[in-house]
Amino acid sequence: MKKFYVYILCSKRNGTLYTGVTSDLDKRVYEHKNNLVKGFTQKYKVHCLAWYEIHESAESAIKKEKQIKKWKRAWKLKLIKKSNPRWDDLYERICEYPDVTISLDSCLRRNDEN
């Protein structure tokens, strides 16, 4: 069954934040990290995966993304700190320990390019 993800990227700890939604988290974060996505994340160097949440439907993921985008910044920071207090880049974790819903292909492509 296909999964959907709401995610928050950051430029650094307590830095610039970006909230998005996708059905392929590792691929989408890879695209942000490598500036393949033109716009906000490229302009402000927002490349670290700080938080994500899995949803069973696109509708629920989009609804959550829209809610988070309306939140005050302090609420977003609290959400990140609650599950990721050290502000680790979770991209490395999802590539190292891929869940069956996450494609390993983009992680391997990333490793091949380094």
C-alpha atoms as a PDB file:
ATOM      1  CA  MET A   1       0.000   0.000   0.000  1.00  0.00           C
ATOM      2  CA  LYS A   2       1.332   3.404  -0.960  1.00  0.00           C
ATOM      3  CA  LYS A   3       2.374   5.756   1.845  1.00  0.00           C
ATOM      4  CA  PHE A   4       2.411   9.536   1.896  1.00  0.00           C
ATOM      5  CA  TYR A   5       4.682  11.785   3.913  1.00  0.00           C
ATOM      6  CA  VAL A   6       4.524  15.265   5.371  1.00  0.00           C
ATOM      7  CA  TYR A   7       8.003  16.574   6.078  1.00  0.00           C
ATOM      8  CA  ILE A   8       9.859  19.583   7.409  1.00  0.00           C
ATOM      9  CA  LEU A   9      13.278  20.544   6.104  1.00  0.00           C
ATOM     10  CA  CYS A  10      15.578  23.013   7.828  1.00  0.00           C
ATOM     11  CA  SER A  11      18.661  24.989   6.830  1.00  0.00           C
ATOM     12  CA  LYS A  12      20.244  24.392  10.254  1.00  0.00           C
ATOM     13  CA  ARG A  13      19.142  24.018  13.880  1.00  0.00           C
ATOM     14  CA  ASN A  14      16.423  26.637  14.472  1.00  0.00           C
ATOM     15  CA  GLY A  15      17.025  27.915  10.926  1.00  0.00           C
ATOM     16  CA  THR A  16      14.792  28.413   7.921  1.00  0.00           C
ATOM     17  CA  LEU A  17      11.992  25.828   7.634  1.00  0.00           C
ATOM     18  CA  TYR A  18      10.149  24.327   4.683  1.00  0.00           C
ATOM     19  CA  THR A  19       7.098  22.051   4.899  1.00  0.00           C
ATOM     20  CA  GLY A  20       6.176  19.696   2.077  1.00  0.00           C
ATOM     21  CA  VAL A  21       4.281  16.537   1.149  1.00  0.00           C
ATOM     22  CA  THR A  22       5.325  13.599  -1.044  1.00  0.00           C
ATOM     23  CA  SER A  23       4.717   9.927  -1.773  1.00  0.00           C
ATOM     24  CA  ASP A  24       8.465   9.200  -2.076  1.00  0.00           C
ATOM     25  CA  LEU A  25      10.283  10.772   0.859  1.00  0.00           C
ATOM     26  CA  ASP A  26      13.848   9.689   0.177  1.00  0.00           C
ATOM     27  CA  LYS A  27      13.622  10.729  -3.485  1.00  0.00           C
ATOM     28  CA  ARG A  28      12.095  14.105  -2.649  1.00  0.00           C
ATOM     29  CA  VAL A  29      14.662  14.928   0.046  1.00  0.00           C
ATOM     30  CA  TYR A  30      17.425  13.822  -2.338  1.00  0.00           C
ATOM     31  CA  GLU A  31      16.057  16.304  -4.878  1.00  0.00           C
ATOM     32  CA  HIS A  32      16.060  19.113  -2.287  1.00  0.00           C
ATOM     33  CA  LYS A  33      19.577  18.260  -1.083  1.00  0.00           C
ATOM     34  CA  ASN A  34      20.952  18.309  -4.610  1.00  0.00           C
ATOM     35  CA  ASN A  35      19.150  21.509  -5.643  1.00  0.00           C
ATOM     36  CA  LEU A  36      17.066  19.669  -8.224  1.00  0.00           C
ATOM     37  CA  VAL A  37      14.005  21.496  -6.874  1.00  0.00           C
ATOM     38  CA  LYS A  38      14.015  25.117  -8.010  1.00  0.00           C
ATOM     39  CA  GLY A  39      12.632  27.677  -5.616  1.00  0.00           C
ATOM     40  CA  PHE A  40      12.562  28.221  -1.872  1.00  0.00           C
ATOM     41  CA  THR A  41      14.709  25.307  -0.661  1.00  0.00           C
ATOM     42  CA  GLN A  42      17.380  26.000  -3.246  1.00  0.00           C
ATOM     43  CA  LYS A  43      17.407  29.755  -2.625  1.00  0.00           C
ATOM     44  CA  TYR A  44      17.617  29.465   1.175  1.00  0.00           C
ATOM     45  CA  LYS A  45      19.707  26.245   1.321  1.00  0.00           C
ATOM     46  CA  VAL A  46      17.031  24.287   3.189  1.00  0.00           C
ATOM     47  CA  HIS A  47      18.324  20.722   2.810  1.00  0.00           C
ATOM     48  CA  CYS A  48      18.151  18.837   6.139  1.00  0.00           C
ATOM     49  CA  LEU A  49      15.210  16.554   6.913  1.00  0.00           C
ATOM     50  CA  ALA A  50      14.244  17.548  10.465  1.00  0.00           C
ATOM     51  CA  TRP A  51      10.836  15.857  10.810  1.00  0.00           C
ATOM     52  CA  TYR A  52       8.420  13.654   8.892  1.00  0.00           C
ATOM     53  CA  GLU A  53       5.150  11.840   9.428  1.00  0.00           C
ATOM     54  CA  ILE A  54       3.675   8.908   7.493  1.00  0.00           C
ATOM     55  CA  HIS A  55       0.068   8.969   6.246  1.00  0.00           C
ATOM     56  CA  GLU A  56      -2.098   6.306   4.659  1.00  0.00           C
ATOM     57  CA  SER A  57      -3.720   8.655   2.149  1.00  0.00           C
ATOM     58  CA  ALA A  58      -2.732  11.651   0.070  1.00  0.00           C
ATOM     59  CA  GLU A  59      -5.727  13.514   1.438  1.00  0.00           C
ATOM     60  CA  SER A  60      -4.653  13.175   5.077  1.00  0.00           C
ATOM     61  CA  ALA A  61      -1.046  14.093   4.240  1.00  0.00           C
ATOM     62  CA  ILE A  62      -2.107  17.192   2.314  1.00  0.00           C
ATOM     63  CA  LYS A  63      -4.477  18.192   5.108  1.00  0.00           C
ATOM     64  CA  LYS A  64      -1.665  17.909   7.678  1.00  0.00           C
ATOM     65  CA  GLU A  65       0.762  19.833   5.451  1.00  0.00           C
ATOM     66  CA  LYS A  66      -1.742  22.685   5.104  1.00  0.00           C
ATOM     67  CA  GLN A  67      -2.301  22.715   8.883  1.00  0.00           C
ATOM     68  CA  ILE A  68       1.427  22.866   9.617  1.00  0.00           C
ATOM     69  CA  LYS A  69       1.951  25.649   7.065  1.00  0.00           C
ATOM     70  CA  LYS A  70      -0.572  27.739   9.022  1.00  0.00           C
ATOM     71  CA  TRP A  71       1.146  27.105  12.371  1.00  0.00           C
ATOM     72  CA  LYS A  72       3.260  29.635  14.186  1.00  0.00           C
ATOM     73  CA  ARG A  73       6.986  29.043  13.828  1.00  0.00           C
ATOM     74  CA  ALA A  74       7.282  28.216  17.539  1.00  0.00           C
ATOM     75  CA  TRP A  75       4.831  25.325  17.120  1.00  0.00           C
ATOM     76  CA  LYS A  76       6.864  23.895  14.232  1.00  0.00           C
ATOM     77  CA  LEU A  77      10.068  24.137  16.277  1.00  0.00           C
ATOM     78  CA  LYS A  78       8.360  22.361  19.170  1.00  0.00           C
ATOM     79  CA  LEU A  79       7.184  19.580  16.834  1.00  0.00           C
ATOM     80  CA  ILE A  80      10.731  19.044  15.564  1.00  0.00           C
ATOM     81  CA  LYS A  81      12.335  19.222  19.018  1.00  0.00           C
ATOM     82  CA  LYS A  82       9.856  16.689  20.413  1.00  0.00           C
ATOM     83  CA  SER A  83      10.878  13.908  18.027  1.00  0.00           C
ATOM     84  CA  ASN A  84      14.337  15.099  16.966  1.00  0.00           C
ATOM     85  CA  PRO A  85      15.854  17.070  19.868  1.00  0.00           C
ATOM     86  CA  ARG A  86      19.384  17.050  18.372  1.00  0.00           C
ATOM     87  CA  TRP A  87      18.120  18.236  14.994  1.00  0.00           C
ATOM     88  CA  ASP A  88      19.788  15.298  13.237  1.00  0.00           C
ATOM     89  CA  ASP A  89      19.391  15.086   9.469  1.00  0.00           C
ATOM     90  CA  LEU A  90      16.885  12.221   9.300  1.00  0.00           C
ATOM     91  CA  TYR A  91      17.668  11.601   5.638  1.00  0.00           C
ATOM     92  CA  GLU A  92      20.718   9.598   6.625  1.00  0.00           C
ATOM     93  CA  ARG A  93      18.547   7.493   8.922  1.00  0.00           C
ATOM     94  CA  ILE A  94      15.876   6.720   6.322  1.00  0.00           C
ATOM     95  CA  CYS A  95      18.591   5.723   3.851  1.00  0.00           C
ATOM     96  CA  GLU A  96      20.492   3.621   6.379  1.00  0.00           C
ATOM     97  CA  TYR A  97      17.388   1.867   7.733  1.00  0.00           C
ATOM     98  CA  PRO A  98      14.871   2.001   4.918  1.00  0.00           C
ATOM     99  CA  ASP A  99      11.369   0.936   5.757  1.00  0.00           C
ATOM    100  CA  VAL A 100       9.667  -1.217   3.160  1.00  0.00           C
ATOM    101  CA  THR A 101       7.654   1.811   2.072  1.00  0.00           C
ATOM    102  CA  ILE A 102      10.775   3.819   1.250  1.00  0.00           C
ATOM    103  CA  SER A 103      12.625   3.124  -1.969  1.00  0.00           C
ATOM    104  CA  LEU A 104      16.314   2.416  -1.480  1.00  0.00           C
ATOM    105  CA  ASP A 105      17.099   3.439  -5.065  1.00  0.00           C
ATOM    106  CA  SER A 106      17.567   7.141  -4.407  1.00  0.00           C
ATOM    107  CA  CYS A 107      19.751   6.398  -1.380  1.00  0.00           C
ATOM    108  CA  LEU A 108      21.955   4.207  -3.539  1.00  0.00           C
ATOM    109  CA  ARG A 109      22.093   6.861  -6.264  1.00  0.00           C
ATOM    110  CA  ARG A 110      23.187   9.385  -3.627  1.00  0.00           C
ATOM    111  CA  ASN A 111      25.938   7.048  -2.400  1.00  0.00           C
ATOM    112  CA  ASP A 112      27.136   6.329  -5.959  1.00  0.00           C
ATOM    113  CA  GLU A 113      27.550  10.028  -6.665  1.00  0.00           C
ATOM    114  CA  ASN A 114      29.745  10.671  -3.612  1.00  0.00           C
END
